[in-house]
Amino acid sequence: VINQSGTVEETNHYYPFGGVFANTGNTQPYKYNGKEFDGKKGVNLYDYGARHYDAALGRFTTVDSLAEKHYSESLYTYCYSNPINCIEPNGKDGIYIAFPDYKISTPIGKIGNLGHAGVLLIDNKTGVTKYYEYGRYDKEGKGIVRTFAVPDVKMGQDKKPTLESLNKTLSVISEQAGHGGRIEGAYIESDKFKEMKTYAESKIAENSNPKRKEYSLRNNNCGTFAADVLKQDPSVKDKAPVIIDSRPNSIVKEYQNSFKSLNYDPKKRQVKIE
């Protein structure tokens, strides 16, 4: 953790299951996997929203509410006991996110000017926040949808995320998904958080389907996926631009013409919504 002047105020070094083996400072509560750590009165648990996690044991403290989907696993297991390769994610605005400086890998090397995209969903009643992205993260290169934990935002009296909390969330996304680069986005107000989340999760479920539609720079990429998630709101679909240029950097420009623009500067750690 660094402050605005670039001074390091906190560092944490973790074992794979989240136990801390070295650290300096304690300036903020978000620790392992971006989750809030409760160390009061010796509790020492991470708050994952639906359940609390004990890093010393590598187990959740209560049973999985979706245990019937994973009957071969322990009801208390964390990341299928494989935290190196897996993460544990834990109504209602959506943000189309693009990383304009991101270079993507192709058979002929890394290429710029295309960008990379994802989608950030926010429940504007609770602040629950989810991030999803699509890309060729699998060995076959067919494309899969993935998610990783991000800090939930805090809602202000105006029922919108506070800029301070949104800054923290975008900082994590920039580091983990955008090579620490800038973020350009379209801020879309919607009451279809549940529908958007359900669609994104259904695409994650398709990752194991060998017959799923393959990744294509032309018509099935990270940018088109993010747009499809947002279109689960009929009002967004009606207002969404017709995509002719499917490059993520181009799609976000089109959406910014129809919705509010969002820009995050990682150097200043500052977000602007206009």
C-alpha atoms as a PDB file:
ATOM      1  CA  VAL A   1       0.000   0.000   0.000  1.00  0.00           C
ATOM      2  CA  ILE A   2       1.404   3.392  -0.987  1.00  0.00           C
ATOM      3  CA  ASN A   3       0.186   6.912  -0.321  1.00  0.00           C
ATOM      4  CA  GLN A   4      -0.264   9.691  -2.863  1.00  0.00           C
ATOM      5  CA  SER A   5       3.389  10.690  -2.627  1.00  0.00           C
ATOM      6  CA  GLY A   6       4.528   7.166  -3.432  1.00  0.00           C
ATOM      7  CA  THR A   7       5.680   6.281   0.085  1.00  0.00           C
ATOM      8  CA  VAL A   8       5.131   2.644   1.026  1.00  0.00           C
ATOM      9  CA  GLU A   9       2.916   2.536   4.117  1.00  0.00           C
ATOM     10  CA  GLU A  10       2.080  -1.154   4.289  1.00  0.00           C
ATOM     11  CA  THR A  11       3.366  -4.447   2.875  1.00  0.00           C
ATOM     12  CA  ASN A  12       2.019  -7.961   3.386  1.00  0.00           C
ATOM     13  CA  HIS A  13       3.533 -11.316   2.426  1.00  0.00           C
ATOM     14  CA  TYR A  14       1.201 -14.299   2.410  1.00  0.00           C
ATOM     15  CA  TYR A  15       1.338 -18.055   2.368  1.00  0.00           C
ATOM     16  CA  PRO A  16      -0.856 -19.525  -0.423  1.00  0.00           C
ATOM     17  CA  PHE A  17      -3.883 -19.915   1.883  1.00  0.00           C
ATOM     18  CA  GLY A  18      -3.624 -16.350   3.213  1.00  0.00           C
ATOM     19  CA  GLY A  19      -1.587 -16.696   6.371  1.00  0.00           C
ATOM     20  CA  VAL A  20       0.792 -13.759   6.888  1.00  0.00           C
ATOM     21  CA  PHE A  21       4.485 -14.593   7.271  1.00  0.00           C
ATOM     22  CA  ALA A  22       5.834 -11.026   7.065  1.00  0.00           C
ATOM     23  CA  ASN A  23       4.313  -7.557   7.086  1.00  0.00           C
ATOM     24  CA  THR A  24       5.000  -3.908   7.840  1.00  0.00           C
ATOM     25  CA  GLY A  25       2.412  -1.288   8.759  1.00  0.00           C
ATOM     26  CA  ASN A  26      -1.348  -1.622   9.049  1.00  0.00           C
ATOM     27  CA  THR A  27      -3.005   1.329   7.323  1.00  0.00           C
ATOM     28  CA  GLN A  28      -6.124  -0.284   5.836  1.00  0.00           C
ATOM     29  CA  PRO A  29      -8.286  -3.383   6.464  1.00  0.00           C
ATOM     30  CA  TYR A  30      -8.218  -5.008   3.009  1.00  0.00           C
ATOM     31  CA  LYS A  31      -5.645  -7.788   2.998  1.00  0.00           C
ATOM     32  CA  TYR A  32      -5.420 -11.218   1.370  1.00  0.00           C
ATOM     33  CA  ASN A  33      -7.516 -11.571  -1.818  1.00  0.00           C
ATOM     34  CA  GLY A  34      -8.743  -7.995  -1.329  1.00  0.00           C
ATOM     35  CA  LYS A  35     -10.968  -9.023   1.580  1.00  0.00           C
ATOM     36  CA  GLU A  36     -11.515  -7.126   4.824  1.00  0.00           C
ATOM     37  CA  PHE A  37      -9.634  -8.625   7.767  1.00  0.00           C
ATOM     38  CA  ASP A  38     -11.274  -8.633  11.200  1.00  0.00           C
ATOM     39  CA  GLY A  39      -8.538  -8.869  13.816  1.00  0.00           C
ATOM     40  CA  LYS A  40     -10.489  -7.420  16.738  1.00  0.00           C
ATOM     41  CA  LYS A  41     -10.402  -9.427  19.962  1.00  0.00           C
ATOM     42  CA  GLY A  42      -8.455 -12.207  18.302  1.00  0.00           C
ATOM     43  CA  VAL A  43     -11.136 -13.058  15.716  1.00  0.00           C
ATOM     44  CA  ASN A  44      -8.615 -13.049  12.837  1.00  0.00           C
ATOM     45  CA  LEU A  45     -11.070 -13.869  10.043  1.00  0.00           C
ATOM     46  CA  TYR A  46     -11.502 -12.574   6.490  1.00  0.00           C
ATOM     47  CA  ASP A  47     -14.977 -11.332   5.536  1.00  0.00           C
ATOM     48  CA  TYR A  48     -15.994 -12.897   2.205  1.00  0.00           C
ATOM     49  CA  GLY A  49     -19.547 -11.576   2.362  1.00  0.00           C
ATOM     50  CA  ALA A  50     -21.476 -14.849   2.492  1.00  0.00           C
ATOM     51  CA  ARG A  51     -18.993 -16.493   4.886  1.00  0.00           C
ATOM     52  CA  HIS A  52     -15.923 -15.808   7.004  1.00  0.00           C
ATOM     53  CA  TYR A  53     -12.586 -17.432   6.201  1.00  0.00           C
ATOM     54  CA  ASP A  54      -9.884 -18.642   8.607  1.00  0.00           C
ATOM     55  CA  ALA A  55      -6.495 -18.383   6.869  1.00  0.00           C
ATOM     56  CA  ALA A  56      -4.763 -20.321   9.648  1.00  0.00           C
ATOM     57  CA  LEU A  57      -6.893 -23.372   8.843  1.00  0.00           C
ATOM     58  CA  GLY A  58      -7.422 -22.701   5.142  1.00  0.00           C
ATOM     59  CA  ARG A  59     -11.146 -23.260   5.679  1.00  0.00           C
ATOM     60  CA  PHE A  60     -14.386 -21.286   5.892  1.00  0.00           C
ATOM     61  CA  THR A  61     -16.116 -21.185   9.265  1.00  0.00           C
ATOM     62  CA  THR A  62     -19.552 -22.174   7.904  1.00  0.00           C
ATOM     63  CA  VAL A  63     -20.788 -24.505   5.173  1.00  0.00           C
ATOM     64  CA  ASP A  64     -21.026 -23.553   1.497  1.00  0.00           C
ATOM     65  CA  SER A  65     -24.563 -22.425   0.635  1.00  0.00           C
ATOM     66  CA  LEU A  66     -24.005 -23.891  -2.853  1.00  0.00           C
ATOM     67  CA  ALA A  67     -22.568 -27.164  -1.588  1.00  0.00           C
ATOM     68  CA  GLU A  68     -24.913 -29.214  -3.761  1.00  0.00           C
ATOM     69  CA  LYS A  69     -22.985 -27.989  -6.816  1.00  0.00           C
ATOM     70  CA  HIS A  70     -19.681 -29.282  -5.456  1.00  0.00           C
ATOM     71  CA  TYR A  71     -20.649 -32.516  -3.698  1.00  0.00           C
ATOM     72  CA  SER A  72     -17.144 -33.980  -4.052  1.00  0.00           C
ATOM     73  CA  GLU A  73     -15.592 -31.173  -1.995  1.00  0.00           C
ATOM     74  CA  SER A  74     -15.631 -30.413   1.732  1.00  0.00           C
ATOM     75  CA  LEU A  75     -18.442 -28.066   2.779  1.00  0.00           C
ATOM     76  CA  TYR A  76     -15.811 -25.769   4.287  1.00  0.00           C
ATOM     77  CA  THR A  77     -13.128 -25.967   1.585  1.00  0.00           C
ATOM     78  CA  TYR A  78     -11.386 -22.882   0.223  1.00  0.00           C
ATOM     79  CA  CYS A  79     -10.634 -22.655  -3.525  1.00  0.00           C
ATOM     80  CA  TYR A  80     -10.930 -26.449  -3.931  1.00  0.00           C
ATOM     81  CA  SER A  81      -7.791 -26.570  -1.727  1.00  0.00           C
ATOM     82  CA  ASN A  82      -5.871 -25.077  -4.673  1.00  0.00           C
ATOM     83  CA  PRO A  83      -5.310 -21.353  -3.923  1.00  0.00           C
ATOM     84  CA  ILE A  84      -2.464 -21.079  -6.444  1.00  0.00           C
ATOM     85  CA  ASN A  85      -4.729 -21.626  -9.453  1.00  0.00           C
ATOM     86  CA  CYS A  86      -8.125 -20.637  -8.042  1.00  0.00           C
ATOM     87  CA  ILE A  87      -9.700 -17.659  -6.299  1.00  0.00           C
ATOM     88  CA  GLU A  88     -12.834 -17.342  -4.152  1.00  0.00           C
ATOM     89  CA  PRO A  89     -15.089 -14.478  -5.176  1.00  0.00           C
ATOM     90  CA  ASN A  90     -17.538 -13.914  -2.307  1.00  0.00           C
ATOM     91  CA  GLY A  91     -29.059  -4.130  -6.505  1.00  0.00           C
ATOM     92  CA  LYS A  92     -26.717  -2.209  -9.152  1.00  0.00           C
ATOM     93  CA  ASP A  93     -24.647  -0.113 -11.449  1.00  0.00           C
ATOM     94  CA  GLY A  94     -22.532  -1.478 -14.268  1.00  0.00           C
ATOM     95  CA  ILE A  95     -19.245  -0.097 -15.523  1.00  0.00           C
ATOM     96  CA  TYR A  96     -17.765  -1.041 -18.879  1.00  0.00           C
ATOM     97  CA  ILE A  97     -14.032  -1.033 -18.170  1.00  0.00           C
ATOM     98  CA  ALA A  98     -11.267  -0.765 -20.759  1.00  0.00           C
ATOM     99  CA  PHE A  99      -7.499  -0.687 -20.358  1.00  0.00           C
ATOM    100  CA  PRO A 100      -6.390   1.496 -23.302  1.00  0.00           C
ATOM    101  CA  ASP A 101      -2.653   0.836 -22.881  1.00  0.00           C
ATOM    102  CA  TYR A 102      -3.011  -2.943 -22.539  1.00  0.00           C
ATOM    103  CA  LYS A 103      -1.076  -5.028 -25.070  1.00  0.00           C
ATOM    104  CA  ILE A 104      -2.641  -8.347 -26.006  1.00  0.00           C
ATOM    105  CA  SER A 105      -0.782 -11.501 -26.997  1.00  0.00           C
ATOM    106  CA  THR A 106      -1.222 -12.823 -30.543  1.00  0.00           C
ATOM    107  CA  PRO A 107       0.561 -15.501 -32.599  1.00  0.00           C
ATOM    108  CA  ILE A 108       2.847 -12.764 -33.943  1.00  0.00           C
ATOM    109  CA  GLY A 109       3.587 -11.161 -30.576  1.00  0.00           C
ATOM    110  CA  LYS A 110       2.092  -8.469 -28.351  1.00  0.00           C
ATOM    111  CA  ILE A 111      -0.010  -5.805 -30.071  1.00  0.00           C
ATOM    112  CA  GLY A 112      -1.090  -2.419 -28.733  1.00  0.00           C
ATOM    113  CA  ASN A 113      -3.958  -0.064 -29.647  1.00  0.00           C
ATOM    114  CA  LEU A 114      -6.533  -2.816 -29.117  1.00  0.00           C
ATOM    115  CA  GLY A 115      -6.874  -2.632 -25.351  1.00  0.00           C
ATOM    116  CA  HIS A 116      -8.537  -5.039 -22.953  1.00  0.00           C
ATOM    117  CA  ALA A 117     -11.956  -4.849 -21.311  1.00  0.00           C
ATOM    118  CA  GLY A 118     -13.976  -6.129 -18.393  1.00  0.00           C
ATOM    119  CA  VAL A 119     -17.180  -5.268 -16.586  1.00  0.00           C
ATOM    120  CA  LEU A 120     -17.675  -4.052 -13.009  1.00  0.00           C
ATOM    121  CA  LEU A 121     -21.092  -4.592 -11.417  1.00  0.00           C
ATOM    122  CA  ILE A 122     -22.219  -2.660  -8.344  1.00  0.00           C
ATOM    123  CA  ASP A 123     -25.341  -3.167  -6.255  1.00  0.00           C
ATOM    124  CA  ASN A 124     -26.265   0.415  -5.414  1.00  0.00           C
ATOM    125  CA  LYS A 125     -28.207  -0.622  -2.308  1.00  0.00           C
ATOM    126  CA  THR A 126     -25.557  -2.718  -0.599  1.00  0.00           C
ATOM    127  CA  GLY A 127     -22.322  -1.767  -2.363  1.00  0.00           C
ATOM    128  CA  VAL A 128     -21.628  -5.406  -3.288  1.00  0.00           C
ATOM    129  CA  THR A 129     -19.174  -5.276  -6.184  1.00  0.00           C
ATOM    130  CA  LYS A 130     -18.260  -7.912  -8.793  1.00  0.00           C
ATOM    131  CA  TYR A 131     -15.738  -7.881 -11.638  1.00  0.00           C
ATOM    132  CA  TYR A 132     -15.696 -10.179 -14.699  1.00  0.00           C
ATOM    133  CA  GLU A 133     -13.544 -10.414 -17.807  1.00  0.00           C
ATOM    134  CA  TYR A 134     -13.184 -12.688 -20.822  1.00  0.00           C
ATOM    135  CA  GLY A 135      -9.991 -13.697 -22.580  1.00  0.00           C
ATOM    136  CA  ARG A 136      -7.701 -16.478 -23.721  1.00  0.00           C
ATOM    137  CA  TYR A 137      -6.589 -17.433 -20.240  1.00  0.00           C
ATOM    138  CA  ASP A 138      -6.925 -21.169 -20.895  1.00  0.00           C
ATOM    139  CA  LYS A 139      -4.193 -23.398 -22.341  1.00  0.00           C
ATOM    140  CA  GLU A 140      -6.196 -24.091 -25.492  1.00  0.00           C
ATOM    141  CA  GLY A 141      -6.742 -20.394 -26.179  1.00  0.00           C
ATOM    142  CA  LYS A 142     -10.463 -20.914 -26.779  1.00  0.00           C
ATOM    143  CA  GLY A 143     -11.348 -18.253 -24.218  1.00  0.00           C
ATOM    144  CA  ILE A 144     -12.850 -18.363 -20.729  1.00  0.00           C
ATOM    145  CA  VAL A 145     -14.636 -15.936 -18.427  1.00  0.00           C
ATOM    146  CA  ARG A 146     -13.006 -15.318 -15.070  1.00  0.00           C
ATOM    147  CA  THR A 147     -13.557 -13.229 -11.963  1.00  0.00           C
ATOM    148  CA  PHE A 148     -11.441 -12.172  -9.014  1.00  0.00           C
ATOM    149  CA  ALA A 149     -12.233 -10.568  -5.700  1.00  0.00           C
ATOM    150  CA  VAL A 150     -12.381  -6.777  -5.512  1.00  0.00           C
ATOM    151  CA  PRO A 151     -13.246  -4.556  -2.526  1.00  0.00           C
ATOM    152  CA  ASP A 152     -16.944  -3.726  -2.259  1.00  0.00           C
ATOM    153  CA  VAL A 153     -17.631  -0.027  -2.726  1.00  0.00           C
ATOM    154  CA  LYS A 154     -19.324   2.130  -0.114  1.00  0.00           C
ATOM    155  CA  MET A 155     -22.523   3.897  -1.117  1.00  0.00           C
ATOM    156  CA  GLY A 156     -22.959   7.577  -0.331  1.00  0.00           C
ATOM    157  CA  GLN A 157     -26.139   9.399   0.640  1.00  0.00           C
ATOM    158  CA  ASP A 158     -26.736  10.045  -3.058  1.00  0.00           C
ATOM    159  CA  LYS A 159     -26.961   6.256  -3.593  1.00  0.00           C
ATOM    160  CA  LYS A 160     -23.761   6.312  -5.632  1.00  0.00           C
ATOM    161  CA  PRO A 161     -20.340   4.837  -4.825  1.00  0.00           C
ATOM    162  CA  THR A 162     -18.081   7.184  -2.895  1.00  0.00           C
ATOM    163  CA  LEU A 163     -15.101   8.161  -5.027  1.00  0.00           C
ATOM    164  CA  GLU A 164     -12.725   7.053  -2.277  1.00  0.00           C
ATOM    165  CA  SER A 165     -14.101   3.505  -2.217  1.00  0.00           C
ATOM    166  CA  LEU A 166     -14.359   3.351  -6.017  1.00  0.00           C
ATOM    167  CA  ASN A 167     -10.711   4.428  -6.234  1.00  0.00           C
ATOM    168  CA  LYS A 168      -9.716   1.442  -4.093  1.00  0.00           C
ATOM    169  CA  THR A 169     -11.708  -0.966  -6.237  1.00  0.00           C
ATOM    170  CA  LEU A 170     -10.353   0.378  -9.521  1.00  0.00           C
ATOM    171  CA  SER A 171      -6.819   0.289  -8.124  1.00  0.00           C
ATOM    172  CA  VAL A 172      -7.149  -3.465  -7.541  1.00  0.00           C
ATOM    173  CA  ILE A 173      -8.623  -3.994 -11.013  1.00  0.00           C
ATOM    174  CA  SER A 174      -5.884  -1.933 -12.654  1.00  0.00           C
ATOM    175  CA  GLU A 175      -3.172  -3.975 -10.942  1.00  0.00           C
ATOM    176  CA  GLN A 176      -4.701  -7.419 -11.409  1.00  0.00           C
ATOM    177  CA  ALA A 177      -6.267  -7.069 -14.852  1.00  0.00           C
ATOM    178  CA  GLY A 178      -4.748  -4.030 -16.546  1.00  0.00           C
ATOM    179  CA  HIS A 179      -0.984  -4.283 -15.935  1.00  0.00           C
ATOM    180  CA  GLY A 180      -1.282  -1.325 -13.551  1.00  0.00           C
ATOM    181  CA  GLY A 181      -2.410   0.963 -16.360  1.00  0.00           C
ATOM    182  CA  ARG A 182      -5.113   3.557 -16.942  1.00  0.00           C
ATOM    183  CA  ILE A 183      -8.805   2.684 -16.995  1.00  0.00           C
ATOM    184  CA  GLU A 184     -11.344   4.240 -19.323  1.00  0.00           C
ATOM    185  CA  GLY A 185     -14.939   3.270 -18.804  1.00  0.00           C
ATOM    186  CA  ALA A 186     -18.603   3.946 -19.330  1.00  0.00           C
ATOM    187  CA  TYR A 187     -20.635   4.363 -16.133  1.00  0.00           C
ATOM    188  CA  ILE A 188     -24.099   2.901 -16.628  1.00  0.00           C
ATOM    189  CA  GLU A 189     -26.836   3.263 -14.026  1.00  0.00           C
ATOM    190  CA  SER A 190     -29.047   0.176 -13.911  1.00  0.00           C
ATOM    191  CA  ASP A 191     -31.292  -1.801 -11.557  1.00  0.00           C
ATOM    192  CA  LYS A 192     -30.450  -5.147 -13.188  1.00  0.00           C
ATOM    193  CA  PHE A 193     -27.458  -6.154 -11.059  1.00  0.00           C
ATOM    194  CA  LYS A 194     -28.886  -9.639 -10.495  1.00  0.00           C
ATOM    195  CA  GLU A 195     -29.546 -10.270 -14.189  1.00  0.00           C
ATOM    196  CA  MET A 196     -26.094  -9.051 -15.233  1.00  0.00           C
ATOM    197  CA  LYS A 197     -24.375 -11.121 -12.554  1.00  0.00           C
ATOM    198  CA  THR A 198     -26.398 -14.219 -13.456  1.00  0.00           C
ATOM    199  CA  TYR A 199     -25.407 -13.881 -17.111  1.00  0.00           C
ATOM    200  CA  ALA A 200     -21.712 -13.458 -16.277  1.00  0.00           C
ATOM    201  CA  GLU A 201     -21.797 -16.459 -13.939  1.00  0.00           C
ATOM    202  CA  SER A 202     -23.500 -18.545 -16.639  1.00  0.00           C
ATOM    203  CA  LYS A 203     -20.576 -17.789 -18.934  1.00  0.00           C
ATOM    204  CA  ILE A 204     -18.152 -18.956 -16.245  1.00  0.00           C
ATOM    205  CA  ALA A 205     -20.125 -22.207 -16.109  1.00  0.00           C
ATOM    206  CA  GLU A 206     -19.521 -22.611 -19.855  1.00  0.00           C
ATOM    207  CA  ASN A 207     -15.738 -22.634 -19.367  1.00  0.00           C
ATOM    208  CA  SER A 208     -15.763 -26.425 -19.116  1.00  0.00           C
ATOM    209  CA  ASN A 209     -17.873 -26.871 -22.256  1.00  0.00           C
ATOM    210  CA  PRO A 210     -15.563 -27.897 -25.144  1.00  0.00           C
ATOM    211  CA  LYS A 211     -18.232 -26.798 -27.636  1.00  0.00           C
ATOM    212  CA  ARG A 212     -18.480 -23.238 -26.337  1.00  0.00           C
ATOM    213  CA  LYS A 213     -18.047 -20.384 -28.793  1.00  0.00           C
ATOM    214  CA  GLU A 214     -14.361 -19.655 -29.278  1.00  0.00           C
ATOM    215  CA  TYR A 215     -12.628 -16.342 -28.680  1.00  0.00           C
ATOM    216  CA  SER A 216     -12.434 -14.110 -31.760  1.00  0.00           C
ATOM    217  CA  LEU A 217     -10.866 -10.678 -32.082  1.00  0.00           C
ATOM    218  CA  ARG A 218     -13.572  -9.829 -34.608  1.00  0.00           C
ATOM    219  CA  ASN A 219     -16.799 -10.742 -32.871  1.00  0.00           C
ATOM    220  CA  ASN A 220     -16.282 -12.567 -29.558  1.00  0.00           C
ATOM    221  CA  ASN A 221     -13.691 -10.861 -27.402  1.00  0.00           C
ATOM    222  CA  CYS A 222     -13.357  -9.232 -23.997  1.00  0.00           C
ATOM    223  CA  GLY A 223     -15.086  -6.090 -25.225  1.00  0.00           C
ATOM    224  CA  THR A 224     -18.112  -7.803 -26.726  1.00  0.00           C
ATOM    225  CA  PHE A 225     -18.456  -9.932 -23.576  1.00  0.00           C
ATOM    226  CA  ALA A 226     -18.560  -6.850 -21.328  1.00  0.00           C
ATOM    227  CA  ALA A 227     -21.165  -5.272 -23.601  1.00  0.00           C
ATOM    228  CA  ASP A 228     -23.281  -8.446 -23.562  1.00  0.00           C
ATOM    229  CA  VAL A 229     -23.294  -8.441 -19.751  1.00  0.00           C
ATOM    230  CA  LEU A 230     -24.557  -4.863 -19.638  1.00  0.00           C
ATOM    231  CA  LYS A 231     -27.238  -5.586 -22.249  1.00  0.00           C
ATOM    232  CA  GLN A 232     -29.001  -7.884 -19.800  1.00  0.00           C
ATOM    233  CA  ASP A 233     -30.759  -4.657 -18.852  1.00  0.00           C
ATOM    234  CA  PRO A 234     -33.266  -4.028 -21.689  1.00  0.00           C
ATOM    235  CA  SER A 235     -33.015  -0.255 -21.211  1.00  0.00           C
ATOM    236  CA  VAL A 236     -29.235  -0.438 -21.663  1.00  0.00           C
ATOM    237  CA  LYS A 237     -29.649  -2.674 -24.703  1.00  0.00           C
ATOM    238  CA  ASP A 238     -32.007  -0.136 -26.291  1.00  0.00           C
ATOM    239  CA  LYS A 239     -29.543   2.692 -25.710  1.00  0.00           C
ATOM    240  CA  ALA A 240     -26.355   0.735 -26.476  1.00  0.00           C
ATOM    241  CA  PRO A 241     -24.423   1.715 -29.617  1.00  0.00           C
ATOM    242  CA  VAL A 242     -24.190  -0.512 -32.669  1.00  0.00           C
ATOM    243  CA  ILE A 243     -20.702  -2.026 -32.568  1.00  0.00           C
ATOM    244  CA  ILE A 244     -18.886  -1.823 -35.889  1.00  0.00           C
ATOM    245  CA  ASP A 245     -15.302  -1.722 -34.627  1.00  0.00           C
ATOM    246  CA  SER A 246     -15.021  -4.530 -32.045  1.00  0.00           C
ATOM    247  CA  ARG A 247     -11.708  -3.431 -30.538  1.00  0.00           C
ATOM    248  CA  PRO A 248     -12.182  -2.858 -26.778  1.00  0.00           C
ATOM    249  CA  ASN A 249     -10.732   0.646 -27.050  1.00  0.00           C
ATOM    250  CA  SER A 250     -13.290   1.490 -29.733  1.00  0.00           C
ATOM    251  CA  ILE A 251     -16.238  -0.082 -27.929  1.00  0.00           C
ATOM    252  CA  VAL A 252     -15.648   1.957 -24.772  1.00  0.00           C
ATOM    253  CA  LYS A 253     -15.566   5.172 -26.821  1.00  0.00           C
ATOM    254  CA  GLU A 254     -18.926   4.270 -28.336  1.00  0.00           C
ATOM    255  CA  TYR A 255     -20.424   3.595 -24.918  1.00  0.00           C
ATOM    256  CA  GLN A 256     -19.022   6.833 -23.537  1.00  0.00           C
ATOM    257  CA  ASN A 257     -21.005   8.657 -26.224  1.00  0.00           C
ATOM    258  CA  SER A 258     -24.226   7.152 -24.857  1.00  0.00           C
ATOM    259  CA  PHE A 259     -23.447   7.004 -21.121  1.00  0.00           C
ATOM    260  CA  LYS A 260     -21.279   8.786 -18.546  1.00  0.00           C
ATOM    261  CA  SER A 261     -17.510   8.569 -18.968  1.00  0.00           C
ATOM    262  CA  LEU A 262     -15.253   7.175 -16.258  1.00  0.00           C
ATOM    263  CA  ASN A 263     -11.493   7.662 -16.140  1.00  0.00           C
ATOM    264  CA  TYR A 264      -9.055   6.277 -13.572  1.00  0.00           C
ATOM    265  CA  ASP A 265      -5.466   7.533 -13.313  1.00  0.00           C
ATOM    266  CA  PRO A 266      -3.277   4.989 -11.445  1.00  0.00           C
ATOM    267  CA  LYS A 267      -0.495   7.516 -10.896  1.00  0.00           C
ATOM    268  CA  LYS A 268      -2.797   9.948  -9.112  1.00  0.00           C
ATOM    269  CA  ARG A 269      -5.019   7.117  -7.836  1.00  0.00           C
ATOM    270  CA  GLN A 270      -7.952   9.250  -8.883  1.00  0.00           C
ATOM    271  CA  VAL A 271     -11.230   8.497 -10.657  1.00  0.00           C
ATOM    272  CA  LYS A 272     -13.437  10.972 -12.505  1.00  0.00           C
ATOM    273  CA  ILE A 273     -17.000  10.405 -13.708  1.00  0.00           C
ATOM    274  CA  GLU A 274     -18.383  12.927 -16.170  1.00  0.00           C
END
